[in-house]
Every structure is written in C-alpha cells, then in structure tokens.
C-alpha cells in the first residue's frame, strides 16, 4: 500500500525556501559571517503565520551568546540587518540568548506569543527549540489570575477616563483612552483563557481564537462600526452613549468569565482601591 504524499502548500514551499536560502543571505554580512555555524535563526511574525501578502516581510531572530553579541557590536553599528529574499524584504535582529531567556521568564508575552508560532531555520545546539517549548508551556492558574487582575484593573481605569470626554464630545481624548481600554480588555480575556497576548498588531485576531476573547472582539467590532458612523461626533451623556454601553458589555463579560474561573475578588467591583496592587502584580509576573 502506497503512503500518501504530504500536501505541499504554498506556505510549506516558502518555508522550505527560507530554510535553504535565508542563511546564505543573512550571513553574507561580514559582522554575522563568523556566526553561521553557531547562531540560532528563527523566522517569526506574519510569514511564520502563513501570511504572504504584499505587505508581509520576513522577521528573523538571530540568537547568540553574550560574547558573540559583543563581537557583532564591535563589527557593526547596528544589530538590525536588512535583506531581500526572492524580492521580499526582511530583517534580522541579533540578540543574546541570556536576554531572550530573561524576557520569557519575565512574561514578555509579545515574545512568547511569537515564539509559539516561530519556524526554526537554524538551531545547531537546540537552543531555539528549547525556547519554543518553554513558550508553549501552559500558563499556570496563579499567573492567569495575577495578570487578569492587572489588565482588568487597568481596563477599568482607562474606561473611567472616558466618562468626561464622552460627556463633552472630546473625540481626541476618547480615542486615546478607548484604544488602551480595549487593549487591556482583550489581554484580560486572553490571559483568563490561558493564552499569551500578542503585540497590538495581532491582538484582535488572537483574542478571537479564545472563548472569552471572542466576546470582546465582537463588541470591539460593534464599537468600530459606531465610531465609523459618527458616534463620537457629538457630546452625549456617557451613561447612554452607545460606545460606553458596548464597553460595559465587555466589562460584564469579563466579570462573568472571572466568576466561572472562581475569581470573586473585591477588585472586580471596587477596582479603584487596588490600582497599585494590580500594577505590582503585573510587574512581578513570572513565566
């Protein structure tokens, strides 16, 4: 019986080309050439997600020892190296392994989220695969609660900052606070679901892949429609303002989800009494 051959998609063909050709391109830089056999090279960002439109570039990490990074610094004015592969632009960022590990342990969720989807190009001693495995480790329940506490209280604070601007019709101030409010709301939802939140660019898409985050993204979409239809063009009592009503739905959804996870803390209501504690919890978070 013949075994079926694996389907070669456009993405898998591109990944194969990256693995075959990218090292020659990146290590053509004199400052990087001595590290070809030792550096860890990972592809991340849009290309590792299978996004290959005309706006997508190639994001590459180069991880080396601290001593090797000092050698790069001595030979180059930058750790940022631009290149083209098949007419597609890209850049490689050099960083020390010690710093990468410290960022993961310090809950740099942008990095952790990217690592979970990264593609190994070169990994001579397995360091890259170890970091990917570390990033893919399930989020501990205690860490979920700690970070939900932080993002929820921050969301409530920025939501409160919307009250007077909505009353006054101050669109600029509303937009500034609205974006931060929604960002903390989606991050609160994701960490409650045990998912590391990504950088802002991928946040709505990633949140939509989690149960609690999906509800927040749906409300987010309704808010975008309201803004597009001119909901911020006039002053209106914040209690009845349609944008504020949608934000309250997000807040109520987060509280309900927290209750389902056994979180019934006083800060869900009197959040303003716990701002310093919430921020300290965020700073002390460890992966």
Protein backbone atom coordinates (compact mmCIF):
# COMPACT_ATOMS: atom_id res chain seq x y z
CA UNK A 1 0.00 0.00 0.00
CA UNK A 2 1.43 3.34 -1.05
CA UNK A 3 1.69 6.08 1.54
CA UNK A 4 0.01 9.36 0.60
CA UNK A 5 2.47 12.14 0.00
CA UNK A 6 2.08 15.19 2.24
CA UNK A 7 0.36 18.11 0.56
CA UNK A 8 2.85 20.84 -0.32
CA UNK A 9 1.07 24.12 0.15
CA UNK A 10 2.38 27.50 -0.94
CA UNK A 11 3.33 28.13 2.68
CA UNK A 12 5.29 24.89 3.10
CA UNK A 13 7.13 25.57 -0.17
CA UNK A 14 8.02 29.05 1.08
CA UNK A 15 9.23 27.71 4.43
CA UNK A 16 11.47 25.23 2.64
CA UNK A 17 12.94 28.01 0.52
CA UNK A 18 13.56 30.13 3.62
CA UNK A 19 15.40 27.28 5.32
CA UNK A 20 17.52 26.60 2.26
CA UNK A 21 18.33 30.13 1.09
CA UNK A 22 17.97 32.52 4.02
CA UNK A 23 21.23 31.62 5.84
CA UNK A 24 23.27 32.49 2.74
CA UNK A 25 21.57 35.89 2.55
CA UNK A 26 21.73 36.84 6.22
CA UNK A 27 25.22 35.56 6.93
CA UNK A 28 26.61 37.47 3.95
CA UNK A 29 27.01 40.40 6.36
CA UNK A 30 30.67 40.47 7.50
CA UNK A 31 29.63 41.02 11.14
CA UNK A 32 27.48 37.88 11.05
CA UNK A 33 29.57 35.59 8.83
CA UNK A 34 31.66 34.10 11.70
CA UNK A 35 28.45 33.02 13.48
CA UNK A 36 26.92 30.98 10.68
CA UNK A 37 27.57 27.61 12.33
CA UNK A 38 26.64 28.70 15.85
CA UNK A 39 23.75 31.20 15.75
CA UNK A 40 20.14 30.23 16.31
CA UNK A 41 17.94 31.56 13.49
CA UNK A 42 14.14 31.66 13.79
CA UNK A 43 11.51 33.05 11.43
CA UNK A 44 8.61 34.77 13.20
CA UNK A 45 5.92 37.36 12.53
CA UNK A 46 3.47 37.31 9.64
CA UNK A 47 5.46 34.88 7.47
CA UNK A 48 5.50 32.23 10.21
CA UNK A 49 1.71 32.56 10.41
CA UNK A 50 1.31 31.85 6.72
CA UNK A 51 0.57 35.46 5.77
CA UNK A 52 2.21 36.07 2.42
CA UNK A 53 0.53 39.19 1.06
CA UNK A 54 2.37 42.14 -0.44
CA UNK A 55 2.64 43.88 2.94
CA UNK A 56 4.25 40.94 4.71
CA UNK A 57 8.01 40.94 5.27
CA UNK A 58 10.39 38.42 6.80
CA UNK A 59 11.15 38.82 10.51
CA UNK A 60 14.16 36.88 11.70
CA UNK A 61 15.69 36.41 15.13
CA UNK A 62 19.42 35.70 15.46
CA UNK A 63 20.29 34.49 18.96
CA UNK A 64 23.90 34.26 20.01
CA UNK A 65 25.95 34.15 23.18
CA UNK A 66 26.69 37.42 25.03
CA UNK A 67 30.32 37.21 23.89
CA UNK A 68 29.25 36.75 20.26
CA UNK A 69 26.84 39.66 20.54
CA UNK A 70 29.69 41.88 21.73
CA UNK A 71 31.64 40.80 18.64
CA UNK A 72 28.69 41.86 16.46
CA UNK A 73 28.56 45.22 18.23
CA UNK A 74 32.28 45.71 17.61
CA UNK A 75 31.93 44.94 13.90
CA UNK A 76 28.61 46.64 13.17
CA UNK A 77 26.90 49.91 14.19
CA UNK A 78 23.56 48.07 14.48
CA UNK A 79 22.04 44.74 15.45
CA UNK A 80 19.40 45.20 12.73
CA UNK A 81 20.33 43.65 9.36
CA UNK A 82 18.14 44.17 6.29
CA UNK A 83 17.93 41.78 3.35
CA UNK A 84 15.80 40.61 0.41
CA UNK A 85 14.82 37.04 -0.34
CA UNK A 86 13.03 36.35 -3.60
CA UNK A 87 12.23 40.03 -3.91
CA UNK A 88 10.68 40.06 -0.45
CA UNK A 89 12.10 42.44 2.18
CA UNK A 90 13.17 41.25 5.58
CA UNK A 91 15.38 41.99 8.55
CA UNK A 92 17.29 40.01 11.13
CA UNK A 93 17.66 41.19 14.73
CA UNK A 94 20.61 39.90 16.72
CA UNK A 95 20.14 39.35 20.45
CA UNK A 96 21.86 37.48 23.24
CA UNK A 97 20.44 34.19 24.43
CA UNK A 98 20.60 35.37 28.02
CA UNK A 99 18.38 38.34 27.21
CA UNK A 100 15.86 36.18 25.35
CA UNK A 101 15.57 33.79 28.27
CA UNK A 102 15.17 36.69 30.72
CA UNK A 103 12.36 38.19 28.61
CA UNK A 104 10.49 34.88 28.52
CA UNK A 105 10.86 34.38 32.27
CA UNK A 106 9.69 37.99 32.79
CA UNK A 107 6.46 37.31 30.84
CA UNK A 108 7.19 39.25 27.68
CA UNK A 109 4.03 37.93 26.08
CA UNK A 110 4.70 39.55 22.74
CA UNK A 111 7.82 37.39 22.50
CA UNK A 112 6.12 34.31 23.96
CA UNK A 113 3.22 34.55 21.54
CA UNK A 114 5.59 34.95 18.58
CA UNK A 115 7.72 32.03 19.74
CA UNK A 116 4.73 29.71 19.84
CA UNK A 117 4.40 30.20 16.07
CA UNK A 118 8.06 30.59 15.16
CA UNK A 119 9.73 28.45 12.49
CA UNK A 120 13.22 27.08 13.10
CA UNK A 121 15.65 27.91 10.28
CA UNK A 122 18.93 27.04 12.00
CA UNK A 123 19.34 25.64 15.51
CA UNK A 124 22.74 23.96 15.81
CA UNK A 125 22.55 23.14 19.52
CA UNK A 126 18.77 23.10 20.10
CA UNK A 127 18.51 26.39 22.00
CA UNK A 128 15.73 27.68 19.72
CA UNK A 129 13.64 24.56 20.15
CA UNK A 130 14.08 24.77 23.92
CA UNK A 131 12.79 28.35 23.92
CA UNK A 132 9.82 27.37 21.74
CA UNK A 133 8.99 24.53 24.15
CA UNK A 134 9.27 26.92 27.09
CA UNK A 135 6.96 29.43 25.38
CA UNK A 136 4.40 26.71 24.62
CA UNK A 137 4.20 25.62 28.24
CA UNK A 138 0.64 26.04 29.59
CA UNK A 139 0.05 29.18 31.61
CA UNK A 140 -0.16 28.46 35.33
CA UNK A 141 -3.51 29.19 37.05
CA UNK A 142 -1.83 31.57 39.52
CA UNK A 143 -0.27 33.53 36.65
CA UNK A 144 -3.64 33.76 34.90
CA UNK A 145 -5.21 35.29 37.99
CA UNK A 146 -2.30 37.68 38.60
CA UNK A 147 -2.34 39.04 35.03
CA UNK A 148 -6.11 39.15 34.80
CA UNK A 149 -6.04 41.26 37.95
CA UNK A 150 -3.57 43.66 36.33
CA UNK A 151 -5.28 44.02 32.95
CA UNK A 152 -8.80 44.16 34.39
CA UNK A 153 -7.98 46.97 36.83
CA UNK A 154 -6.10 48.89 34.11
CA UNK A 155 -9.07 48.47 31.78
CA UNK A 156 -11.45 49.81 34.41
CA UNK A 157 -9.24 52.84 35.00
CA UNK A 158 -8.99 53.79 31.33
CA UNK A 159 -12.70 53.11 30.88
CA UNK A 160 -13.44 55.58 33.66
CA UNK A 161 -11.21 58.12 31.87
CA UNK A 162 -13.74 58.08 29.02
CA UNK A 163 -16.62 59.49 31.08
CA UNK A 164 -15.98 63.23 30.84
CA UNK A 165 -14.62 63.20 27.27
CA UNK A 166 -17.80 61.42 26.14
CA UNK A 167 -19.93 63.97 28.01
CA UNK A 168 -18.01 66.82 26.36
CA UNK A 169 -17.72 65.31 22.90
CA UNK A 170 -13.91 65.38 23.12
CA UNK A 171 -13.19 62.91 20.33
CA UNK A 172 -9.39 63.04 20.59
CA UNK A 173 -9.36 62.15 24.29
CA UNK A 174 -11.99 59.44 23.73
CA UNK A 175 -9.94 57.78 21.01
CA UNK A 176 -6.78 57.84 23.12
CA UNK A 177 -8.43 56.20 26.13
CA UNK A 178 -10.64 53.90 24.04
CA UNK A 179 -7.73 52.13 22.37
CA UNK A 180 -5.97 51.47 25.68
CA UNK A 181 -9.22 50.32 27.30
CA UNK A 182 -9.91 47.80 24.54
CA UNK A 183 -6.29 46.60 24.55
CA UNK A 184 -6.39 45.80 28.27
CA UNK A 185 -9.83 44.21 27.89
CA UNK A 186 -8.66 41.80 25.19
CA UNK A 187 -5.49 40.98 27.12
CA UNK A 188 -7.52 40.35 30.28
CA UNK A 189 -9.74 37.98 28.32
CA UNK A 190 -6.81 36.12 26.78
CA UNK A 191 -4.86 35.57 29.99
CA UNK A 192 -8.05 34.39 31.69
CA UNK A 193 -8.29 31.78 28.92
CA UNK A 194 -4.63 30.90 29.42
CA UNK A 195 -3.40 32.40 26.13
CA UNK A 196 -0.38 34.77 25.98
CA UNK A 197 -1.49 38.03 24.34
CA UNK A 198 0.50 39.16 21.28
CA UNK A 199 1.66 42.57 20.15
CA UNK A 200 -1.11 45.05 19.32
CA UNK A 201 -0.98 44.25 15.59
CA UNK A 202 -2.18 40.68 16.15
CA UNK A 203 -4.24 41.21 19.33
CA UNK A 204 -7.84 41.22 17.95
CA UNK A 205 -7.12 38.25 15.69
CA UNK A 206 -5.53 36.25 18.52
CA UNK A 207 -8.22 37.18 21.05
CA UNK A 208 -10.90 35.93 18.64
CA UNK A 209 -9.35 32.47 18.96
CA UNK A 210 -10.16 32.22 22.69
CA UNK A 211 -13.62 31.82 24.28
CA UNK A 212 -13.63 34.95 26.44
CA UNK A 213 -11.62 36.96 23.94
CA UNK A 214 -14.11 36.19 21.17
CA UNK A 215 -16.87 38.03 23.03
CA UNK A 216 -14.62 41.04 23.47
CA UNK A 217 -13.69 41.09 19.80
CA UNK A 218 -17.36 41.02 18.81
CA UNK A 219 -18.03 44.06 20.99
CA UNK A 220 -14.86 45.67 19.62
CA UNK A 221 -16.25 45.26 16.08
CA UNK A 222 -19.53 46.90 17.11
CA UNK A 223 -17.61 49.83 18.61
CA UNK A 224 -15.66 50.24 15.37
CA UNK A 225 -18.94 50.43 13.45
CA UNK A 226 -20.29 53.03 15.87
CA UNK A 227 -17.17 55.16 15.52
CA UNK A 228 -17.32 54.84 11.74
CA UNK A 229 -20.93 56.01 11.78
CA UNK A 230 -20.04 59.15 13.72
CA UNK A 231 -20.90 58.12 17.29
CA UNK A 232 -18.09 60.33 18.59
CA UNK A 233 -19.05 63.40 16.61
CA UNK A 234 -21.37 64.78 19.25
CA UNK A 235 -21.43 65.13 23.02
CA UNK A 236 -23.73 62.70 24.80
CA UNK A 237 -24.32 61.62 28.38
CA UNK A 238 -21.81 58.84 28.96
CA UNK A 239 -24.44 56.74 30.75
CA UNK A 240 -26.37 56.37 27.49
CA UNK A 241 -23.55 56.74 25.00
CA UNK A 242 -23.60 53.73 22.61
CA UNK A 243 -19.81 53.29 22.74
CA UNK A 244 -19.89 53.23 26.52
CA UNK A 245 -22.74 50.72 26.51
CA UNK A 246 -20.61 48.35 24.43
CA UNK A 247 -17.67 48.81 26.79
CA UNK A 248 -19.92 47.92 29.69
CA UNK A 249 -20.88 44.71 27.89
CA UNK A 250 -17.21 43.84 27.63
CA UNK A 251 -16.74 44.57 31.32
CA UNK A 252 -19.76 42.46 32.28
CA UNK A 253 -18.49 39.61 30.11
CA UNK A 254 -15.11 39.70 31.83
CA UNK A 255 -16.72 39.63 35.27
CA UNK A 256 -18.90 36.67 34.29
CA UNK A 257 -15.88 34.83 32.90
CA UNK A 258 -13.89 35.59 36.06
CA UNK A 259 -16.69 34.13 38.17
CA UNK A 260 -16.64 30.96 36.07
CA UNK A 261 -12.93 30.68 36.84
CA UNK A 262 -13.62 31.06 40.56
CA UNK A 263 -12.46 34.69 40.78
CA UNK A 264 -14.78 36.69 43.02
CA UNK A 265 -12.41 39.29 44.38
CA UNK A 266 -13.46 42.73 45.68
CA UNK A 267 -11.44 44.45 42.95
CA UNK A 268 -13.94 43.26 40.34
CA UNK A 269 -16.18 45.97 41.77
CA UNK A 270 -14.05 48.45 43.69
CA UNK A 271 -11.15 48.33 41.28
CA UNK A 272 -10.03 51.88 42.19
CA UNK A 273 -8.89 50.68 45.63
CA UNK A 274 -6.45 48.21 44.11
CA UNK A 275 -4.59 50.08 41.35
CA UNK A 276 -1.15 49.95 42.98
CA UNK A 277 -1.53 46.27 43.89
CA UNK A 278 -2.63 45.38 40.37
CA UNK A 279 0.34 47.15 38.79
CA UNK A 280 2.72 45.50 41.20
CA UNK A 281 1.20 42.12 40.31
CA UNK A 282 1.88 42.80 36.65
CA UNK A 283 5.49 43.77 37.30
CA UNK A 284 6.15 40.69 39.43
CA UNK A 285 4.66 38.21 36.95
CA UNK A 286 6.99 35.34 36.03
CA UNK A 287 6.54 32.71 33.39
